[in-house]
Amino acid sequence: MARSSVASSREGIKNSAVTSFQPRVAFLGTPEPAVSSLKALAGRCRVHAVFCGPDRPQGRGRVVEAPPVKRAANKLGLEIHQPEKWNLDSTKLLWDSLNIDMALVVAYGHILPSWMIDGCRLGVWNLHFSLLPRWRGAAPVNHAILAGDAETGVSLMKITPGMDAGPVLAQRKRPITMQSVADALLAELAEDAASLLQTNLETIFSGSADVCPQDEKLVTLAPKLKKEMARLDLTRGAVELHRQIRAFQPWPGAEFQLDGTVIKVLEAGSIMISDAPPGTLTWDKGGVRLSAGAGDAIELIMLQRPGKPAQSAGQVMQFWGTKGAIALLG
């Protein structure tokens, strides 16, 4: 009995030491989609440091504002750092002083150096808003919608030196429908990411994460969006244009020119058959329609003229009369 009691006591001490281990954790993220994951992480363990991008001028008034992750970290009472660059000696000294065991990255916006990745004994992990290896890069949600993918999701990936090329621990899927708009879909994926993190955090902390390498043959890239991508090519089919409108909200948006005025398309409705030539804008009491290049047309729901608030398409077109048809392609 005495030996048994001693053995049980020693085993209990051993188990207690294992379960009481708390790794030193850092979070790296900047925009709103990263906030849910920061809150989820802080709810499960102590976050020893938060790294985010610098405060930037925002809006028409160019007022300097803190990024969403910084605001959230302040409310949580967390230590915040905003290094401009990771190749500075001062940034390395700061990071080394924190003795971080595990780091979580969500839409941080910086390329991390190898010394930082290699220095975390439990790894540097990334919640990426796509089903890797599809859509590696800066704008995965937008490109998934634009390409007509049936689904997207979130991948929990261990970071390696290649861009979004590390092995994947877990994924969570979400369908893409004709109603899916980029900003709203990204907000949904942000919540999925937080849930996926909570499910897998203990596995990461235990050091027993079973990751799966990505299939390089299936890689597609999702480069940064550019302002010129907003222009609608009215020779394309309505389905493609519908995807473009949904993929580029809120930026760079989708637009066409009418009498030299840039009209932004904020929301599109149904797709219908049309016998009007491609690029014909038609409006009447029944609504506003933009014909495309495949014998079909898009119903336009919300539009915006320069310097004006967003309005229903019918209200905007009242500027050109109660009804009409204008050829937008010369």
Protein backbone atom coordinates (compact mmCIF):
# COMPACT_ATOMS: atom_id res chain seq x y z
CA MET A 1 0.00 0.00 0.00
CA ALA A 2 2.83 2.35 0.89
CA ARG A 3 4.57 1.76 -2.44
CA SER A 4 1.29 2.19 -4.30
CA SER A 5 0.57 5.44 -2.49
CA VAL A 6 4.05 6.77 -3.27
CA ALA A 7 3.73 5.79 -6.93
CA SER A 8 0.29 7.42 -7.16
CA SER A 9 1.62 10.52 -5.49
CA ARG A 10 4.53 10.77 -7.92
CA GLU A 11 2.22 10.21 -10.90
CA GLY A 12 -0.12 12.89 -9.60
CA ILE A 13 2.75 15.35 -9.29
CA LYS A 14 3.87 14.48 -12.82
CA ASN A 15 0.39 14.98 -14.28
CA SER A 16 -0.04 18.20 -12.38
CA ALA A 17 3.20 19.52 -13.84
CA VAL A 18 2.03 18.66 -17.35
CA THR A 19 -1.44 20.16 -17.02
CA SER A 20 -0.20 23.27 -15.23
CA PHE A 21 2.32 24.12 -17.98
CA GLN A 22 1.39 27.42 -19.55
CA PRO A 23 3.36 28.36 -22.68
CA ARG A 24 4.26 31.95 -23.36
CA VAL A 25 1.98 32.99 -26.20
CA ALA A 26 1.98 35.92 -28.65
CA PHE A 27 -0.73 37.03 -31.06
CA LEU A 28 0.03 38.81 -34.34
CA GLY A 29 -2.81 40.43 -36.31
CA THR A 30 -4.10 43.80 -37.44
CA PRO A 31 -7.58 44.12 -39.06
CA GLU A 32 -11.08 43.39 -37.80
CA PRO A 33 -11.19 39.74 -39.01
CA ALA A 34 -8.36 38.95 -36.57
CA VAL A 35 -10.19 40.23 -33.48
CA SER A 36 -12.38 37.16 -32.90
CA SER A 37 -9.32 34.91 -32.82
CA LEU A 38 -7.52 37.21 -30.39
CA LYS A 39 -10.50 37.11 -28.04
CA ALA A 40 -10.73 33.32 -28.36
CA LEU A 41 -7.03 32.93 -27.60
CA ALA A 42 -7.17 35.30 -24.62
CA GLY A 43 -10.16 33.36 -23.30
CA ARG A 44 -8.17 30.12 -23.21
CA CYS A 45 -4.71 31.19 -22.07
CA ARG A 46 -2.58 34.13 -21.07
CA VAL A 47 -1.48 36.18 -24.08
CA HIS A 48 1.90 37.64 -23.19
CA ALA A 49 2.14 40.04 -26.13
CA VAL A 50 0.09 41.33 -29.06
CA PHE A 51 1.78 42.54 -32.23
CA CYS A 52 -0.17 44.59 -34.77
CA GLY A 53 0.39 47.10 -37.55
CA PRO A 54 0.97 50.77 -36.77
CA ASP A 55 -1.76 53.36 -36.32
CA ARG A 56 -2.75 54.76 -39.73
CA PRO A 57 -4.74 57.70 -41.15
CA GLN A 58 -8.28 56.54 -41.95
CA GLY A 59 -11.28 57.89 -43.86
CA ARG A 60 -11.72 61.12 -45.77
CA GLY A 61 -10.50 63.16 -42.81
CA ARG A 62 -7.32 61.05 -42.63
CA VAL A 63 -7.60 60.88 -38.86
CA VAL A 64 -4.98 58.59 -37.35
CA GLU A 65 -6.67 55.55 -35.80
CA ALA A 66 -5.48 52.44 -34.02
CA PRO A 67 -6.07 49.16 -35.89
CA PRO A 68 -8.94 46.94 -34.64
CA VAL A 69 -6.61 44.40 -33.00
CA LYS A 70 -4.92 47.13 -30.97
CA ARG A 71 -8.27 48.44 -29.77
CA ALA A 72 -9.36 44.93 -28.78
CA ALA A 73 -6.05 44.23 -27.04
CA ASN A 74 -6.36 47.45 -25.05
CA LYS A 75 -9.79 46.41 -23.82
CA LEU A 76 -8.36 43.04 -22.80
CA GLY A 77 -5.49 44.72 -20.95
CA LEU A 78 -2.81 43.06 -23.08
CA GLU A 79 0.73 44.21 -23.83
CA ILE A 80 0.89 45.71 -27.33
CA HIS A 81 3.78 46.16 -29.76
CA GLN A 82 3.69 47.80 -33.21
CA PRO A 83 7.06 47.35 -34.93
CA GLU A 84 7.31 48.94 -38.37
CA LYS A 85 9.64 46.23 -39.65
CA TRP A 86 10.87 42.81 -38.56
CA ASN A 87 14.33 43.14 -40.08
CA LEU A 88 15.38 45.74 -37.48
CA ASP A 89 17.70 44.79 -34.63
CA SER A 90 15.32 46.49 -32.19
CA THR A 91 12.46 44.22 -33.23
CA LYS A 92 14.58 41.10 -32.78
CA LEU A 93 15.74 42.24 -29.34
CA LEU A 94 12.13 42.88 -28.34
CA TRP A 95 10.96 39.49 -29.57
CA ASP A 96 13.84 37.62 -27.95
CA SER A 97 13.12 39.32 -24.61
CA LEU A 98 9.59 37.88 -24.59
CA ASN A 99 10.69 34.22 -24.73
CA ILE A 100 7.61 33.23 -26.75
CA ASP A 101 6.83 29.49 -27.04
CA MET A 102 3.93 29.74 -29.50
CA ALA A 103 2.68 32.51 -31.76
CA LEU A 104 -0.64 32.79 -33.61
CA VAL A 105 -0.84 34.92 -36.75
CA VAL A 106 -4.11 36.16 -38.27
CA ALA A 107 -4.02 38.69 -41.13
CA TYR A 108 -0.97 40.42 -39.67
CA GLY A 109 0.35 41.91 -42.91
CA HIS A 110 4.08 41.34 -42.32
CA ILE A 111 6.54 38.76 -43.66
CA LEU A 112 8.05 37.08 -40.61
CA PRO A 113 11.79 36.29 -40.50
CA SER A 114 13.10 32.76 -40.15
CA TRP A 115 14.73 33.49 -36.78
CA MET A 116 11.29 34.32 -35.37
CA ILE A 117 9.63 31.22 -36.88
CA ASP A 118 12.42 28.91 -35.77
CA GLY A 119 12.58 30.39 -32.27
CA CYS A 120 9.10 29.29 -31.14
CA ARG A 121 9.42 25.74 -29.82
CA LEU A 122 5.66 25.09 -30.20
CA GLY A 123 5.57 26.72 -33.61
CA VAL A 124 4.16 29.81 -35.29
CA TRP A 125 0.62 29.13 -36.47
CA ASN A 126 -1.57 30.94 -38.97
CA LEU A 127 -5.33 31.04 -39.43
CA HIS A 128 -5.69 31.58 -43.17
CA PHE A 129 -9.04 32.37 -44.77
CA SER A 130 -9.07 29.69 -47.47
CA LEU A 131 -8.97 25.93 -47.91
CA LEU A 132 -5.25 25.63 -48.53
CA PRO A 133 -3.51 24.97 -50.84
CA ARG A 134 -6.19 26.84 -52.79
CA TRP A 135 -5.82 30.62 -52.64
CA ARG A 136 -2.50 31.31 -51.03
CA GLY A 137 -1.93 35.05 -50.68
CA ALA A 138 -3.40 38.34 -49.53
CA ALA A 139 -7.00 38.18 -50.82
CA PRO A 140 -8.24 34.57 -50.62
CA VAL A 141 -11.92 35.29 -49.92
CA ASN A 142 -12.21 37.71 -52.83
CA HIS A 143 -10.58 35.34 -55.29
CA ALA A 144 -12.68 32.39 -54.14
CA ILE A 145 -15.89 34.30 -54.93
CA LEU A 146 -14.48 35.70 -58.18
CA ALA A 147 -13.53 32.22 -59.40
CA GLY A 148 -16.98 30.82 -58.66
CA ASP A 149 -15.80 28.36 -56.00
CA ALA A 150 -18.60 26.38 -54.37
CA GLU A 151 -16.97 26.62 -50.95
CA THR A 152 -14.21 28.26 -48.97
CA GLY A 153 -13.09 28.03 -45.38
CA VAL A 154 -10.36 28.50 -42.81
CA SER A 155 -7.07 26.62 -42.52
CA LEU A 156 -5.00 26.33 -39.34
CA MET A 157 -1.48 26.07 -40.70
CA LYS A 158 1.99 25.88 -39.21
CA ILE A 159 4.03 28.68 -40.73
CA THR A 160 7.12 27.87 -42.79
CA PRO A 161 9.29 30.28 -44.84
CA GLY A 162 7.16 29.90 -48.01
CA MET A 163 4.04 32.06 -48.44
CA ASP A 164 1.10 30.17 -46.88
CA ALA A 165 2.95 26.95 -47.76
CA GLY A 166 3.15 25.29 -44.35
CA PRO A 167 1.51 22.01 -43.32
CA VAL A 168 -2.14 22.16 -42.25
CA LEU A 169 -3.45 20.97 -38.91
CA ALA A 170 -7.20 21.51 -39.43
CA GLN A 171 -9.76 23.17 -41.70
CA ARG A 172 -13.33 24.32 -41.48
CA LYS A 173 -15.50 24.72 -44.59
CA ARG A 174 -18.24 27.19 -45.49
CA PRO A 175 -20.33 27.28 -48.72
CA ILE A 176 -20.25 30.16 -51.19
CA THR A 177 -23.63 31.06 -52.64
CA MET A 178 -24.96 33.65 -55.09
CA GLN A 179 -25.69 35.80 -52.04
CA SER A 180 -22.15 35.61 -50.63
CA VAL A 181 -20.46 39.02 -50.52
CA ALA A 182 -16.76 39.29 -49.68
CA ASP A 183 -16.92 41.45 -46.54
CA ALA A 184 -19.83 39.54 -44.99
CA LEU A 185 -18.29 36.16 -45.86
CA LEU A 186 -14.98 37.22 -44.32
CA ALA A 187 -16.78 38.19 -41.11
CA GLU A 188 -18.33 34.71 -40.98
CA LEU A 189 -14.98 33.07 -41.61
CA ALA A 190 -13.44 35.13 -38.81
CA GLU A 191 -15.86 33.50 -36.36
CA ASP A 192 -15.11 30.08 -37.87
CA ALA A 193 -11.41 30.76 -37.35
CA ALA A 194 -11.91 31.53 -33.67
CA SER A 195 -13.87 28.30 -33.22
CA LEU A 196 -11.26 26.27 -35.11
CA LEU A 197 -8.55 27.69 -32.87
CA GLN A 198 -10.41 26.77 -29.70
CA THR A 199 -10.85 23.21 -30.93
CA ASN A 200 -7.15 22.72 -31.67
CA LEU A 201 -5.34 24.89 -29.14
CA GLU A 202 -4.64 22.15 -26.59
CA THR A 203 -3.22 19.95 -29.34
CA ILE A 204 -0.78 22.71 -30.27
CA PHE A 205 0.17 23.31 -26.64
CA SER A 206 0.81 19.60 -26.11
CA GLY A 207 3.30 19.55 -28.96
CA SER A 208 1.46 16.63 -30.58
CA ALA A 209 -0.08 18.43 -33.57
CA ASP A 210 -0.38 16.02 -36.53
CA VAL A 211 -0.05 18.25 -39.57
CA CYS A 212 -0.54 17.38 -43.23
CA PRO A 213 1.67 18.84 -45.99
CA GLN A 214 -0.04 20.78 -48.75
CA ASP A 215 -0.28 19.35 -52.24
CA GLU A 216 1.80 21.73 -54.36
CA LYS A 217 -0.01 20.57 -57.51
CA LEU A 218 -3.25 22.13 -56.23
CA VAL A 219 -1.85 25.57 -55.36
CA THR A 220 -3.67 28.67 -56.60
CA LEU A 221 -2.67 32.23 -55.76
CA ALA A 222 -4.74 35.12 -54.42
CA PRO A 223 -2.71 38.30 -55.03
CA LYS A 224 -3.56 41.71 -53.61
CA LEU A 225 -6.52 43.52 -55.12
CA LYS A 226 -5.93 46.61 -57.23
CA LYS A 227 -8.12 49.65 -57.85
CA GLU A 228 -8.30 49.01 -61.60
CA MET A 229 -9.99 45.65 -60.95
CA ALA A 230 -13.21 47.53 -60.12
CA ARG A 231 -14.13 48.27 -63.75
CA LEU A 232 -16.83 45.93 -65.04
CA ASP A 233 -16.12 44.33 -68.41
CA LEU A 234 -19.61 44.37 -69.91
CA THR A 235 -18.69 41.91 -72.66
CA ARG A 236 -18.47 39.14 -70.05
CA GLY A 237 -21.42 37.04 -68.95
CA ALA A 238 -23.79 38.06 -66.18
CA VAL A 239 -22.62 35.27 -63.86
CA GLU A 240 -19.02 36.50 -64.06
CA LEU A 241 -20.06 40.11 -63.48
CA HIS A 242 -22.24 39.07 -60.55
CA ARG A 243 -19.24 37.34 -58.98
CA GLN A 244 -17.08 40.41 -59.53
CA ILE A 245 -19.60 42.69 -57.83
CA ARG A 246 -19.80 40.39 -54.80
CA ALA A 247 -16.07 39.65 -54.67
CA PHE A 248 -14.91 43.26 -54.57
CA GLN A 249 -17.04 44.65 -51.76
CA PRO A 250 -16.21 46.97 -50.13
CA TRP A 251 -12.93 47.54 -52.03
CA PRO A 252 -12.06 48.06 -54.80
CA GLY A 253 -15.76 47.83 -55.57
CA ALA A 254 -17.39 47.37 -58.97
CA GLU A 255 -18.20 50.22 -61.35
CA PHE A 256 -19.19 51.33 -64.83
CA GLN A 257 -19.25 54.70 -66.59
CA LEU A 258 -22.48 56.44 -67.57
CA ASP A 259 -22.17 59.73 -69.47
CA GLY A 260 -18.68 60.17 -68.06
CA THR A 261 -19.84 59.55 -64.49
CA VAL A 262 -18.46 56.62 -62.53
CA ILE A 263 -21.33 54.60 -61.04
CA LYS A 264 -20.50 52.17 -58.28
CA VAL A 265 -22.47 48.95 -58.07
CA LEU A 266 -22.93 48.09 -54.40
CA GLU A 267 -25.42 45.25 -54.70
CA ALA A 268 -26.70 43.01 -57.46
CA GLY A 269 -29.82 40.86 -57.46
CA SER A 270 -31.00 38.13 -59.76
CA ILE A 271 -29.71 37.10 -63.19
CA MET A 272 -32.22 37.05 -66.01
CA ILE A 273 -32.46 36.39 -69.75
CA SER A 274 -32.05 39.50 -71.90
CA ASP A 275 -32.21 40.19 -75.63
CA ALA A 276 -30.61 43.64 -75.24
CA PRO A 277 -27.09 44.10 -76.64
CA PRO A 278 -24.26 43.65 -74.13
CA GLY A 279 -23.63 46.74 -72.04
CA THR A 280 -27.18 48.10 -72.25
CA LEU A 281 -28.46 49.75 -69.08
CA THR A 282 -32.25 49.58 -68.91
CA TRP A 283 -34.52 51.01 -66.22
CA ASP A 284 -38.25 51.44 -65.65
CA LYS A 285 -40.81 50.74 -62.93
CA GLY A 286 -39.78 47.09 -62.99
CA GLY A 287 -36.22 47.85 -61.90
CA VAL A 288 -32.74 48.46 -63.27
CA ARG A 289 -30.99 45.89 -65.45
CA LEU A 290 -27.52 45.71 -66.96
CA SER A 291 -27.23 43.39 -69.95
CA ALA A 292 -24.09 41.29 -70.28
CA GLY A 293 -22.28 39.41 -72.99
CA ALA A 294 -24.01 36.05 -72.88
CA GLY A 295 -27.64 36.88 -73.60
CA ASP A 296 -28.36 37.63 -69.95
CA ALA A 297 -28.57 40.59 -67.58
CA ILE A 298 -28.01 41.50 -63.94
CA GLU A 299 -30.58 43.14 -61.75
CA LEU A 300 -28.95 46.16 -60.06
CA ILE A 301 -30.15 46.82 -56.51
CA MET A 302 -27.91 49.50 -54.97
CA LEU A 303 -25.83 52.11 -56.79
CA GLN A 304 -23.78 55.16 -55.84
CA ARG A 305 -22.86 58.31 -57.74
CA PRO A 306 -19.68 60.27 -56.93
CA GLY A 307 -20.07 62.35 -53.77
CA LYS A 308 -23.53 60.92 -53.09
CA PRO A 309 -24.78 58.38 -50.56
CA ALA A 310 -25.69 54.86 -51.59
CA GLN A 311 -29.21 54.69 -53.01
CA SER A 312 -31.51 52.18 -54.62
CA ALA A 313 -30.69 51.70 -58.29
CA GLY A 314 -34.08 53.11 -59.26
CA GLN A 315 -33.44 56.32 -57.31
CA VAL A 316 -30.03 56.81 -58.88
CA MET A 317 -31.37 56.34 -62.39
CA GLN A 318 -34.06 58.98 -61.85
CA PHE A 319 -31.30 61.48 -62.62
CA TRP A 320 -31.47 60.22 -66.22
CA GLY A 321 -35.25 60.01 -66.39
CA THR A 322 -38.08 57.80 -65.19
CA LYS A 323 -37.23 55.11 -67.72
CA GLY A 324 -34.82 54.49 -70.54
CA ALA A 325 -32.11 52.39 -72.13
CA ILE A 326 -28.52 53.52 -72.63
CA ALA A 327 -25.74 51.68 -74.46
CA LEU A 328 -22.63 51.78 -72.27
CA LEU A 329 -20.39 50.15 -74.88
CA GLY A 330 -19.39 52.44 -77.71
